[in-house]
Amino acid sequence: MITKLIVIRHGFSLSNAERRYTGQQDVGLSPLGHEQATLVADYLCQNEQVDVIYASDLSRAMDTVAPTAMRLGLSVIPEKGLRETDVGRWTGRPYEEVAEQDHALLERHRADPDFPCPEGESSRQVYDRIIGTVMALLAANKEKTVVVATHAMPARCIEAFSVGHGIEQIREHRVAPNASIRIYHFDGQRLISQGKNIVSHLAKPGETLPDELV
């Protein structure tokens, strides 16, 4: 039997709608995000045999997999190590405001993986935290299907790691859409991507939304 990892970016949040840096602030899902959580449950319950569900302990991640857990009779296990980047002083501020008022700091943070957000985390710290957490969860759940609900940057880190990239190559991996699903097999050391960013479950009635190759 294989160990399978299913990574879900949380559904559309209230701060996504307002285009604000959220970081580790506990902001809930928007009405659209709650609809997406139901669609995630539809997909997982129809296509996967889930054994265990972990989520960042922030409510937008926990609530994204709550419908899945309820249908399967499982609990969502909160895991602080799966949180989004701590963006420090940028927390809650609009993207445009940060880009205008803290342009130099923002550009340096984006260019230098060791340069942290003001009073927050660097990209390397996030990468190391996320990969360490995921490897520990997989080691504790051998030959199981493990669902992880997390955030934009953590999902990018996991995808980069799966192709042998470190934090230096993170910009080669674009941000996954809200409530999208990625599936990996774990061979005991490496994550092996199954090659798709699954978004078809998010299609509106009558709409065809093909899964994205990654």
C-alpha atoms as a PDB file:
ATOM      1  CA  MET A   1       0.000   0.000   0.000  1.00  0.00           C
ATOM      2  CA  ILE A   2       1.100   3.544  -0.680  1.00  0.00           C
ATOM      3  CA  THR A   3       1.046   6.583   1.540  1.00  0.00           C
ATOM      4  CA  LYS A   4      -0.976   9.288  -0.160  1.00  0.00           C
ATOM      5  CA  LEU A   5      -0.967  13.012   0.624  1.00  0.00           C
ATOM      6  CA  ILE A   6      -3.877  15.203  -0.473  1.00  0.00           C
ATOM      7  CA  VAL A   7      -3.177  18.928  -0.138  1.00  0.00           C
ATOM      8  CA  ILE A   8      -6.040  21.421  -0.174  1.00  0.00           C
ATOM      9  CA  ARG A   9      -5.706  25.172  -0.184  1.00  0.00           C
ATOM     10  CA  HIS A  10      -8.433  26.673   1.997  1.00  0.00           C
ATOM     11  CA  GLY A  11     -11.564  28.074   0.408  1.00  0.00           C
ATOM     12  CA  PHE A  12     -12.101  31.717  -0.483  1.00  0.00           C
ATOM     13  CA  SER A  13     -11.832  33.769   2.690  1.00  0.00           C
ATOM     14  CA  LEU A  14     -13.181  37.134   3.766  1.00  0.00           C
ATOM     15  CA  SER A  15      -9.714  38.645   3.503  1.00  0.00           C
ATOM     16  CA  ASN A  16      -9.208  37.123   0.043  1.00  0.00           C
ATOM     17  CA  ALA A  17     -12.319  39.026  -0.976  1.00  0.00           C
ATOM     18  CA  GLU A  18     -10.920  42.229   0.530  1.00  0.00           C
ATOM     19  CA  ARG A  19      -7.433  41.672  -0.972  1.00  0.00           C
ATOM     20  CA  ARG A  20      -5.654  41.886   2.368  1.00  0.00           C
ATOM     21  CA  TYR A  21      -2.598  40.136   3.787  1.00  0.00           C
ATOM     22  CA  THR A  22      -3.985  37.633   6.250  1.00  0.00           C
ATOM     23  CA  GLY A  23      -0.982  35.630   7.391  1.00  0.00           C
ATOM     24  CA  GLN A  24      -1.732  33.997  10.719  1.00  0.00           C
ATOM     25  CA  GLN A  25      -4.730  36.182  11.519  1.00  0.00           C
ATOM     26  CA  ASP A  26      -7.797  34.008  12.055  1.00  0.00           C
ATOM     27  CA  VAL A  27     -10.165  35.145   9.324  1.00  0.00           C
ATOM     28  CA  GLY A  28     -13.106  32.973   8.332  1.00  0.00           C
ATOM     29  CA  LEU A  29     -14.353  31.703   4.993  1.00  0.00           C
ATOM     30  CA  SER A  30     -16.606  33.850   2.849  1.00  0.00           C
ATOM     31  CA  PRO A  31     -19.990  32.475   1.724  1.00  0.00           C
ATOM     32  CA  LEU A  32     -18.239  31.334  -1.470  1.00  0.00           C
ATOM     33  CA  GLY A  33     -15.577  29.631   0.638  1.00  0.00           C
ATOM     34  CA  HIS A  34     -18.208  27.642   2.527  1.00  0.00           C
ATOM     35  CA  GLU A  35     -19.740  26.552  -0.790  1.00  0.00           C
ATOM     36  CA  GLN A  36     -16.283  25.464  -1.952  1.00  0.00           C
ATOM     37  CA  ALA A  37     -15.818  23.438   1.241  1.00  0.00           C
ATOM     38  CA  THR A  38     -18.933  21.449   0.341  1.00  0.00           C
ATOM     39  CA  LEU A  39     -17.582  20.880  -3.168  1.00  0.00           C
ATOM     40  CA  VAL A  40     -14.267  19.676  -1.747  1.00  0.00           C
ATOM     41  CA  ALA A  41     -16.209  17.173   0.357  1.00  0.00           C
ATOM     42  CA  ASP A  42     -18.151  16.022  -2.717  1.00  0.00           C
ATOM     43  CA  TYR A  43     -14.914  15.347  -4.584  1.00  0.00           C
ATOM     44  CA  LEU A  44     -13.048  13.624  -1.771  1.00  0.00           C
ATOM     45  CA  CYS A  45     -15.958  11.432  -0.693  1.00  0.00           C
ATOM     46  CA  GLN A  46     -16.548  10.314  -4.282  1.00  0.00           C
ATOM     47  CA  ASN A  47     -12.923   9.744  -5.284  1.00  0.00           C
ATOM     48  CA  GLU A  48     -10.743   8.983  -2.258  1.00  0.00           C
ATOM     49  CA  GLN A  49     -10.580   6.706   0.775  1.00  0.00           C
ATOM     50  CA  VAL A  50      -9.481   9.213   3.387  1.00  0.00           C
ATOM     51  CA  ASP A  51      -7.993   7.940   6.637  1.00  0.00           C
ATOM     52  CA  VAL A  52      -6.986  11.093   8.493  1.00  0.00           C
ATOM     53  CA  ILE A  53      -7.537  14.838   8.103  1.00  0.00           C
ATOM     54  CA  TYR A  54      -5.187  17.555   9.345  1.00  0.00           C
ATOM     55  CA  ALA A  55      -5.588  21.305   8.941  1.00  0.00           C
ATOM     56  CA  SER A  56      -3.869  24.486   9.871  1.00  0.00           C
ATOM     57  CA  ASP A  57      -5.493  25.519  13.138  1.00  0.00           C
ATOM     58  CA  LEU A  58      -6.775  28.734  11.529  1.00  0.00           C
ATOM     59  CA  SER A  59     -10.512  28.557  10.932  1.00  0.00           C
ATOM     60  CA  ARG A  60     -10.442  29.110   7.173  1.00  0.00           C
ATOM     61  CA  ALA A  61      -8.449  25.879   6.795  1.00  0.00           C
ATOM     62  CA  MET A  62     -10.321  23.918   9.469  1.00  0.00           C
ATOM     63  CA  ASP A  63     -13.690  24.899   7.980  1.00  0.00           C
ATOM     64  CA  THR A  64     -12.621  23.948   4.458  1.00  0.00           C
ATOM     65  CA  VAL A  65     -12.348  20.270   5.424  1.00  0.00           C
ATOM     66  CA  ALA A  66     -15.054  20.216   8.112  1.00  0.00           C
ATOM     67  CA  PRO A  67     -17.778  19.001   5.688  1.00  0.00           C
ATOM     68  CA  THR A  68     -15.498  16.183   4.508  1.00  0.00           C
ATOM     69  CA  ALA A  69     -14.745  15.122   8.067  1.00  0.00           C
ATOM     70  CA  MET A  70     -18.419  15.196   9.023  1.00  0.00           C
ATOM     71  CA  ARG A  71     -19.459  12.980   6.097  1.00  0.00           C
ATOM     72  CA  LEU A  72     -16.674  10.486   6.783  1.00  0.00           C
ATOM     73  CA  GLY A  73     -17.102  10.391  10.552  1.00  0.00           C
ATOM     74  CA  LEU A  74     -13.605  11.762  11.107  1.00  0.00           C
ATOM     75  CA  SER A  75     -12.241  14.629  13.159  1.00  0.00           C
ATOM     76  CA  VAL A  76     -10.172  17.488  11.769  1.00  0.00           C
ATOM     77  CA  ILE A  77      -6.875  17.488  13.652  1.00  0.00           C
ATOM     78  CA  PRO A  78      -5.529  21.042  14.079  1.00  0.00           C
ATOM     79  CA  GLU A  79      -1.854  21.459  13.254  1.00  0.00           C
ATOM     80  CA  LYS A  80      -0.220  24.822  13.908  1.00  0.00           C
ATOM     81  CA  GLY A  81       2.760  23.884  11.744  1.00  0.00           C
ATOM     82  CA  LEU A  82       0.529  24.127   8.650  1.00  0.00           C
ATOM     83  CA  ARG A  83      -0.229  27.815   9.152  1.00  0.00           C
ATOM     84  CA  GLU A  84       0.316  30.485   6.504  1.00  0.00           C
ATOM     85  CA  THR A  85       3.369  32.755   6.581  1.00  0.00           C
ATOM     86  CA  ASP A  86       3.482  35.074   9.572  1.00  0.00           C
ATOM     87  CA  VAL A  87       3.461  38.401   7.712  1.00  0.00           C
ATOM     88  CA  GLY A  88       4.061  40.426  10.866  1.00  0.00           C
ATOM     89  CA  ARG A  89       3.239  44.121  10.511  1.00  0.00           C
ATOM     90  CA  TRP A  90       1.564  43.523   7.161  1.00  0.00           C
ATOM     91  CA  THR A  91      -1.206  41.461   8.761  1.00  0.00           C
ATOM     92  CA  GLY A  92      -4.628  42.795   7.823  1.00  0.00           C
ATOM     93  CA  ARG A  93      -3.288  45.481   5.474  1.00  0.00           C
ATOM     94  CA  PRO A  94      -4.462  45.758   1.846  1.00  0.00           C
ATOM     95  CA  TYR A  95      -2.057  44.420  -0.778  1.00  0.00           C
ATOM     96  CA  GLU A  96      -1.975  47.759  -2.578  1.00  0.00           C
ATOM     97  CA  GLU A  97      -1.179  49.676   0.597  1.00  0.00           C
ATOM     98  CA  VAL A  98       1.786  47.443   1.425  1.00  0.00           C
ATOM     99  CA  ALA A  99       3.044  47.612  -2.153  1.00  0.00           C
ATOM    100  CA  GLU A 100       2.932  51.409  -2.032  1.00  0.00           C
ATOM    101  CA  GLN A 101       4.097  52.163   1.500  1.00  0.00           C
ATOM    102  CA  ASP A 102       6.545  49.288   2.072  1.00  0.00           C
ATOM    103  CA  HIS A 103       7.664  48.721  -1.510  1.00  0.00           C
ATOM    104  CA  ALA A 104      11.375  48.271  -0.759  1.00  0.00           C
ATOM    105  CA  LEU A 105      10.748  45.833   2.106  1.00  0.00           C
ATOM    106  CA  LEU A 106       8.251  43.847   0.049  1.00  0.00           C
ATOM    107  CA  GLU A 107      10.590  43.556  -2.924  1.00  0.00           C
ATOM    108  CA  ARG A 108      13.483  42.476  -0.719  1.00  0.00           C
ATOM    109  CA  HIS A 109      11.293  39.872   1.006  1.00  0.00           C
ATOM    110  CA  ARG A 110      10.262  38.490  -2.387  1.00  0.00           C
ATOM    111  CA  ALA A 111      13.826  38.441  -3.703  1.00  0.00           C
ATOM    112  CA  ASP A 112      15.659  37.158  -0.624  1.00  0.00           C
ATOM    113  CA  PRO A 113      14.325  33.936   0.975  1.00  0.00           C
ATOM    114  CA  ASP A 114      16.091  34.822   4.229  1.00  0.00           C
ATOM    115  CA  PHE A 115      14.658  38.329   4.556  1.00  0.00           C
ATOM    116  CA  PRO A 116      11.550  38.190   6.774  1.00  0.00           C
ATOM    117  CA  CYS A 117       8.320  40.110   6.638  1.00  0.00           C
ATOM    118  CA  PRO A 118       8.608  42.968   9.169  1.00  0.00           C
ATOM    119  CA  GLU A 119       8.288  41.223  12.570  1.00  0.00           C
ATOM    120  CA  GLY A 120       7.276  38.030  10.752  1.00  0.00           C
ATOM    121  CA  GLU A 121       8.750  35.031   8.955  1.00  0.00           C
ATOM    122  CA  SER A 122      11.127  34.652   6.034  1.00  0.00           C
ATOM    123  CA  SER A 123      10.219  32.409   3.114  1.00  0.00           C
ATOM    124  CA  ARG A 124      12.906  29.918   4.144  1.00  0.00           C
ATOM    125  CA  GLN A 125      11.471  29.671   7.643  1.00  0.00           C
ATOM    126  CA  VAL A 126       8.042  28.915   6.157  1.00  0.00           C
ATOM    127  CA  TYR A 127       9.441  26.311   3.756  1.00  0.00           C
ATOM    128  CA  ASP A 128      11.362  24.532   6.496  1.00  0.00           C
ATOM    129  CA  ARG A 129       8.377  24.622   8.858  1.00  0.00           C
ATOM    130  CA  ILE A 130       5.929  23.293   6.289  1.00  0.00           C
ATOM    131  CA  ILE A 131       8.107  20.516   4.898  1.00  0.00           C
ATOM    132  CA  GLY A 132       9.139  19.423   8.390  1.00  0.00           C
ATOM    133  CA  THR A 133       5.503  19.305   9.498  1.00  0.00           C
ATOM    134  CA  VAL A 134       4.314  17.392   6.436  1.00  0.00           C
ATOM    135  CA  MET A 135       7.132  14.832   6.666  1.00  0.00           C
ATOM    136  CA  ALA A 136       6.312  14.224  10.332  1.00  0.00           C
ATOM    137  CA  LEU A 137       2.609  13.732   9.560  1.00  0.00           C
ATOM    138  CA  LEU A 138       3.372  11.279   6.766  1.00  0.00           C
ATOM    139  CA  ALA A 139       5.842   9.333   8.912  1.00  0.00           C
ATOM    140  CA  ALA A 140       3.115   8.971  11.537  1.00  0.00           C
ATOM    141  CA  ASN A 141       0.562   7.739   8.979  1.00  0.00           C
ATOM    142  CA  LYS A 142       2.331   5.181   6.809  1.00  0.00           C
ATOM    143  CA  GLU A 143       0.194   3.489   4.147  1.00  0.00           C
ATOM    144  CA  LYS A 144      -2.705   5.842   4.799  1.00  0.00           C
ATOM    145  CA  THR A 145      -4.368   8.589   2.801  1.00  0.00           C
ATOM    146  CA  VAL A 146      -3.645  11.849   4.601  1.00  0.00           C
ATOM    147  CA  VAL A 147      -5.564  15.057   3.865  1.00  0.00           C
ATOM    148  CA  VAL A 148      -3.874  18.347   4.723  1.00  0.00           C
ATOM    149  CA  ALA A 149      -5.752  21.655   4.515  1.00  0.00           C
ATOM    150  CA  THR A 150      -3.414  24.603   4.411  1.00  0.00           C
ATOM    151  CA  HIS A 151      -2.736  27.952   2.739  1.00  0.00           C
ATOM    152  CA  ALA A 152      -1.252  29.508  -0.396  1.00  0.00           C
ATOM    153  CA  MET A 153       2.443  29.647   0.503  1.00  0.00           C
ATOM    154  CA  PRO A 154       2.518  26.257   2.262  1.00  0.00           C
ATOM    155  CA  ALA A 155       0.889  24.613  -0.776  1.00  0.00           C
ATOM    156  CA  ARG A 156       3.547  26.192  -3.005  1.00  0.00           C
ATOM    157  CA  CYS A 157       6.285  24.891  -0.710  1.00  0.00           C
ATOM    158  CA  ILE A 158       4.910  21.348  -0.867  1.00  0.00           C
ATOM    159  CA  GLU A 159       4.679  21.470  -4.658  1.00  0.00           C
ATOM    160  CA  ALA A 160       8.244  22.809  -4.939  1.00  0.00           C
ATOM    161  CA  PHE A 161       9.551  20.093  -2.624  1.00  0.00           C
ATOM    162  CA  SER A 162       7.837  17.404  -4.709  1.00  0.00           C
ATOM    163  CA  VAL A 163       9.993  18.283  -7.733  1.00  0.00           C
ATOM    164  CA  GLY A 164      13.207  18.648  -5.765  1.00  0.00           C
ATOM    165  CA  HIS A 165      13.121  22.417  -5.486  1.00  0.00           C
ATOM    166  CA  GLY A 166      14.125  24.386  -2.416  1.00  0.00           C
ATOM    167  CA  ILE A 167      12.889  27.804  -1.407  1.00  0.00           C
ATOM    168  CA  GLU A 168      15.137  29.434  -4.017  1.00  0.00           C
ATOM    169  CA  GLN A 169      12.861  28.104  -6.783  1.00  0.00           C
ATOM    170  CA  ILE A 170       9.554  28.923  -5.103  1.00  0.00           C
ATOM    171  CA  ARG A 171       8.649  31.567  -7.716  1.00  0.00           C
ATOM    172  CA  GLU A 172       8.547  28.835 -10.357  1.00  0.00           C
ATOM    173  CA  HIS A 173       5.431  27.501  -8.614  1.00  0.00           C
ATOM    174  CA  ARG A 174       2.345  29.639  -8.894  1.00  0.00           C
ATOM    175  CA  VAL A 175      -0.281  30.075  -6.223  1.00  0.00           C
ATOM    176  CA  ALA A 176      -2.911  27.325  -6.212  1.00  0.00           C
ATOM    177  CA  PRO A 177      -6.550  28.463  -6.528  1.00  0.00           C
ATOM    178  CA  ASN A 178      -8.687  28.499  -3.404  1.00  0.00           C
ATOM    179  CA  ALA A 179     -10.160  25.052  -2.611  1.00  0.00           C
ATOM    180  CA  SER A 180      -8.004  23.338  -5.230  1.00  0.00           C
ATOM    181  CA  ILE A 181      -6.631  19.852  -4.557  1.00  0.00           C
ATOM    182  CA  ARG A 182      -3.225  18.327  -5.246  1.00  0.00           C
ATOM    183  CA  ILE A 183      -2.379  14.662  -4.764  1.00  0.00           C
ATOM    184  CA  TYR A 184       1.012  13.130  -4.020  1.00  0.00           C
ATOM    185  CA  HIS A 185       2.377   9.681  -3.305  1.00  0.00           C
ATOM    186  CA  PHE A 186       5.041   9.366  -0.607  1.00  0.00           C
ATOM    187  CA  ASP A 187       7.770   6.750  -0.967  1.00  0.00           C
ATOM    188  CA  GLY A 188       9.245   7.243   2.492  1.00  0.00           C
ATOM    189  CA  GLN A 189      11.561  10.045   1.431  1.00  0.00           C
ATOM    190  CA  ARG A 190      10.089  11.872  -1.530  1.00  0.00           C
ATOM    191  CA  LEU A 191       6.728  13.286  -2.507  1.00  0.00           C
ATOM    192  CA  ILE A 192       5.742  12.277  -6.031  1.00  0.00           C
ATOM    193  CA  SER A 193       3.221  14.607  -7.625  1.00  0.00           C
ATOM    194  CA  GLN A 194       0.347  12.982  -9.481  1.00  0.00           C
ATOM    195  CA  GLY A 195       0.507  15.870 -11.903  1.00  0.00           C
ATOM    196  CA  LYS A 196      -2.683  17.861 -11.543  1.00  0.00           C
ATOM    197  CA  ASN A 197      -4.013  20.834  -9.659  1.00  0.00           C
ATOM    198  CA  ILE A 198      -7.599  19.589  -9.330  1.00  0.00           C
ATOM    199  CA  VAL A 199     -10.222  22.315  -9.771  1.00  0.00           C
ATOM    200  CA  SER A 200     -12.964  20.506 -11.735  1.00  0.00           C
ATOM    201  CA  HIS A 201     -15.067  20.096  -8.583  1.00  0.00           C
ATOM    202  CA  LEU A 202     -15.385  23.889  -8.383  1.00  0.00           C
ATOM    203  CA  ALA A 203     -17.225  24.238 -11.700  1.00  0.00           C
ATOM    204  CA  LYS A 204     -20.599  25.952 -11.633  1.00  0.00           C
ATOM    205  CA  PRO A 205     -23.658  24.069 -12.966  1.00  0.00           C
ATOM    206  CA  GLY A 206     -23.309  23.754 -16.719  1.00  0.00           C
ATOM    207  CA  GLU A 207     -19.683  24.864 -16.642  1.00  0.00           C
ATOM    208  CA  THR A 208     -16.686  22.723 -17.524  1.00  0.00           C
ATOM    209  CA  LEU A 209     -13.590  23.519 -15.509  1.00  0.00           C
ATOM    210  CA  PRO A 210     -10.685  21.263 -16.528  1.00  0.00           C
ATOM    211  CA  ASP A 211      -8.083  20.280 -13.988  1.00  0.00           C
ATOM    212  CA  GLU A 212      -4.808  22.151 -14.440  1.00  0.00           C
ATOM    213  CA  LEU A 213      -1.607  20.342 -15.279  1.00  0.00           C
ATOM    214  CA  VAL A 214       1.215  21.323 -12.924  1.00  0.00           C
END
